[in-house]
N, C-alpha and C. Protein backbone atom coordinates (compact mmCIF):
# COMPACT_ATOMS: atom_id res chain seq x y z
N MET A 1 14.26 -14.09 4.44
CA MET A 1 15.28 -14.44 5.23
C MET A 1 15.63 -15.92 4.88
N PHE A 2 16.98 -16.29 5.09
CA PHE A 2 17.39 -17.62 4.84
C PHE A 2 17.77 -18.37 6.09
N SER A 3 17.47 -19.65 6.13
CA SER A 3 17.81 -20.30 7.24
C SER A 3 19.37 -20.54 7.22
N SER A 4 19.96 -21.07 8.24
CA SER A 4 21.38 -21.26 8.21
C SER A 4 21.79 -22.45 7.28
N GLN A 5 20.87 -23.34 7.13
CA GLN A 5 21.07 -24.48 6.11
C GLN A 5 21.08 -23.86 4.68
N GLU A 6 20.12 -23.02 4.46
CA GLU A 6 20.07 -22.40 3.17
C GLU A 6 21.25 -21.58 2.76
N ILE A 7 21.86 -20.84 3.89
CA ILE A 7 22.94 -19.87 3.60
C ILE A 7 24.09 -20.83 3.24
N ILE A 8 24.24 -21.93 3.99
CA ILE A 8 25.47 -22.85 3.61
C ILE A 8 25.32 -23.44 2.34
N LYS A 9 24.13 -23.76 1.91
CA LYS A 9 23.91 -24.33 0.50
C LYS A 9 24.30 -23.28 -0.50
N LEU A 10 23.79 -22.00 -0.29
CA LEU A 10 24.17 -21.06 -1.30
C LEU A 10 25.71 -20.67 -1.34
N MET A 11 26.33 -20.61 -0.15
CA MET A 11 27.71 -20.43 0.00
C MET A 11 28.56 -21.46 -0.78
N ASN A 12 28.09 -22.74 -0.66
CA ASN A 12 28.68 -23.84 -1.34
C ASN A 12 28.43 -23.83 -2.92
N LYS A 13 27.23 -23.49 -3.34
CA LYS A 13 26.83 -23.37 -4.59
C LYS A 13 27.71 -22.23 -5.37
N TYR A 14 27.82 -21.20 -4.74
CA TYR A 14 28.61 -20.04 -5.44
C TYR A 14 29.99 -19.87 -4.88
N ARG A 15 30.43 -20.90 -4.25
CA ARG A 15 31.89 -20.95 -3.84
C ARG A 15 32.40 -19.83 -3.05
N VAL A 16 31.66 -19.44 -2.00
CA VAL A 16 31.98 -18.33 -1.05
C VAL A 16 32.39 -18.97 0.18
N LYS A 17 33.58 -18.46 0.73
CA LYS A 17 34.12 -18.96 1.93
C LYS A 17 33.63 -18.13 3.11
N ASN A 18 33.42 -18.81 4.10
CA ASN A 18 32.74 -18.12 5.39
C ASN A 18 33.69 -16.85 5.78
N ASN A 19 34.90 -16.88 5.50
CA ASN A 19 35.79 -15.79 6.19
C ASN A 19 36.08 -14.73 4.98
N GLU A 20 35.39 -14.81 3.84
CA GLU A 20 35.62 -13.89 2.76
C GLU A 20 34.60 -12.86 2.78
N HIS A 21 34.93 -11.67 2.24
CA HIS A 21 33.98 -10.69 1.82
C HIS A 21 33.88 -10.70 0.26
N THR A 22 32.63 -11.41 -0.19
CA THR A 22 32.47 -11.62 -1.62
C THR A 22 31.05 -11.05 -1.92
N ALA A 23 30.90 -10.45 -3.06
CA ALA A 23 29.61 -9.96 -3.63
C ALA A 23 29.39 -10.85 -4.86
N VAL A 24 28.24 -11.48 -5.02
CA VAL A 24 27.86 -12.26 -6.24
C VAL A 24 26.57 -11.79 -6.81
N LEU A 25 26.59 -11.43 -8.03
CA LEU A 25 25.47 -11.07 -8.71
C LEU A 25 24.86 -12.21 -9.44
N ILE A 26 23.60 -12.55 -8.99
CA ILE A 26 23.08 -13.85 -9.45
C ILE A 26 21.79 -13.43 -10.33
N GLY A 27 21.78 -14.01 -11.41
CA GLY A 27 20.64 -13.68 -12.39
C GLY A 27 19.34 -14.59 -11.99
N LYS A 28 18.31 -14.07 -12.51
CA LYS A 28 17.02 -14.71 -12.23
C LYS A 28 17.05 -16.21 -12.64
N ASP A 29 17.87 -16.67 -13.40
CA ASP A 29 18.09 -17.91 -13.92
C ASP A 29 18.95 -18.82 -12.96
N GLY A 30 19.47 -18.05 -11.89
CA GLY A 30 20.23 -18.73 -10.85
C GLY A 30 21.78 -18.86 -11.20
N THR A 31 22.19 -18.31 -12.37
CA THR A 31 23.60 -18.53 -12.67
C THR A 31 24.29 -17.17 -12.13
N GLU A 32 25.63 -17.29 -11.95
CA GLU A 32 26.43 -16.13 -11.48
C GLU A 32 26.77 -15.27 -12.79
N LYS A 33 26.50 -14.13 -12.56
CA LYS A 33 26.82 -13.09 -13.57
C LYS A 33 27.93 -12.32 -13.34
N ALA A 34 28.32 -12.04 -12.19
CA ALA A 34 29.53 -11.30 -11.84
C ALA A 34 29.91 -11.52 -10.33
N ARG A 35 31.22 -11.24 -10.06
CA ARG A 35 31.63 -11.50 -8.77
C ARG A 35 32.69 -10.49 -8.34
N TRP A 36 32.57 -10.03 -7.13
CA TRP A 36 33.58 -9.08 -6.67
C TRP A 36 34.13 -9.61 -5.25
N ARG A 37 35.39 -9.60 -5.16
CA ARG A 37 36.09 -10.08 -3.90
C ARG A 37 36.32 -9.00 -3.07
N GLN A 38 36.81 -7.89 -3.78
CA GLN A 38 37.19 -6.77 -3.05
C GLN A 38 36.79 -5.50 -3.99
N GLY A 39 36.56 -4.43 -3.39
CA GLY A 39 36.23 -3.21 -4.15
C GLY A 39 34.90 -3.34 -4.92
N PHE A 40 33.81 -3.58 -4.35
CA PHE A 40 32.64 -3.76 -4.97
C PHE A 40 32.31 -2.37 -5.74
N ASP A 41 31.82 -2.43 -6.94
CA ASP A 41 31.61 -1.14 -7.71
C ASP A 41 30.04 -1.11 -8.07
N ILE A 42 29.36 -0.35 -7.45
CA ILE A 42 27.80 -0.41 -7.72
C ILE A 42 27.56 0.12 -9.18
N ASP A 43 28.31 0.95 -9.71
CA ASP A 43 28.13 1.43 -11.19
C ASP A 43 28.51 0.36 -12.16
N GLU A 44 29.50 -0.52 -11.83
CA GLU A 44 29.72 -1.55 -12.70
C GLU A 44 28.61 -2.64 -12.68
N MET A 45 28.02 -2.88 -11.39
CA MET A 45 26.94 -3.80 -11.31
C MET A 45 25.72 -3.31 -12.06
N VAL A 46 25.36 -2.13 -11.88
CA VAL A 46 24.25 -1.53 -12.66
C VAL A 46 24.43 -1.69 -14.19
N GLN A 47 25.72 -1.45 -14.65
CA GLN A 47 26.00 -1.54 -16.10
C GLN A 47 25.86 -3.01 -16.51
N ILE A 48 26.36 -3.94 -15.72
CA ILE A 48 26.15 -5.43 -16.07
C ILE A 48 24.67 -5.72 -16.18
N ILE A 49 23.82 -5.32 -15.13
CA ILE A 49 22.32 -5.61 -15.13
C ILE A 49 21.75 -4.92 -16.40
N ASP A 50 22.05 -3.71 -16.66
CA ASP A 50 21.36 -3.06 -17.76
C ASP A 50 21.78 -3.68 -19.22
N GLU A 51 22.83 -4.41 -19.18
CA GLU A 51 23.11 -5.33 -20.43
C GLU A 51 22.36 -6.57 -20.54
N MET A 52 21.78 -7.02 -19.50
CA MET A 52 21.05 -8.32 -19.59
C MET A 52 19.79 -8.26 -20.50
N PRO A 53 19.55 -9.21 -21.20
CA PRO A 53 18.38 -9.27 -22.07
C PRO A 53 17.06 -8.76 -21.35
N MET A 54 16.80 -9.39 -20.35
CA MET A 54 15.54 -9.11 -19.57
C MET A 54 15.45 -7.56 -19.18
N ARG A 55 16.68 -6.98 -18.75
CA ARG A 55 16.66 -5.75 -18.43
C ARG A 55 16.40 -4.74 -19.69
N LYS A 56 17.17 -5.22 -20.75
CA LYS A 56 17.01 -4.41 -22.11
C LYS A 56 15.48 -4.31 -22.41
N ALA A 57 14.79 -5.52 -22.33
CA ALA A 57 13.38 -5.38 -22.63
C ALA A 57 12.58 -4.56 -21.62
N GLU A 58 12.93 -4.60 -20.53
CA GLU A 58 12.23 -3.74 -19.55
C GLU A 58 12.41 -2.26 -19.80
N ILE A 59 13.72 -1.90 -20.27
CA ILE A 59 13.96 -0.53 -20.63
C ILE A 59 13.21 -0.02 -21.79
N ARG A 60 13.09 -1.10 -22.67
CA ARG A 60 12.33 -0.74 -23.90
C ARG A 60 10.83 -0.46 -23.59
N GLU A 61 10.32 -1.34 -22.70
CA GLU A 61 8.86 -1.20 -22.32
C GLU A 61 8.61 0.05 -21.39
N ARG A 62 9.45 0.19 -20.44
CA ARG A 62 9.09 1.18 -19.49
C ARG A 62 10.00 2.32 -19.51
N GLY A 63 11.14 2.39 -20.10
CA GLY A 63 12.10 3.50 -20.13
C GLY A 63 13.11 3.34 -19.06
N LEU A 64 14.01 4.17 -19.10
CA LEU A 64 15.03 4.14 -17.94
C LEU A 64 14.44 4.63 -16.75
N ARG A 65 14.93 4.07 -15.60
CA ARG A 65 14.32 4.43 -14.18
C ARG A 65 14.32 5.75 -13.77
N CYS A 66 15.23 6.63 -14.36
CA CYS A 66 15.31 7.98 -14.01
C CYS A 66 15.05 9.02 -15.18
N SER A 67 14.30 8.53 -16.18
CA SER A 67 14.02 9.26 -17.32
C SER A 67 12.84 10.32 -16.93
N ILE A 68 12.74 11.33 -17.58
CA ILE A 68 11.62 12.44 -17.40
C ILE A 68 10.76 12.34 -18.54
């Protein structure tokens, strides 16, 4: 859970207005990786995540999450 002050800080950092519907994908390094203002697409988000270096390493080590 985030305090109201932490939420305001995050909204300012990632430039999200209070009256907007915005989804922001944030990497473990704290940088913005993708942003959706409307029409959030889960498949696009998964594809972006799967292309990240840390995720590629995880796939190499553990395999795909739905593999048999």
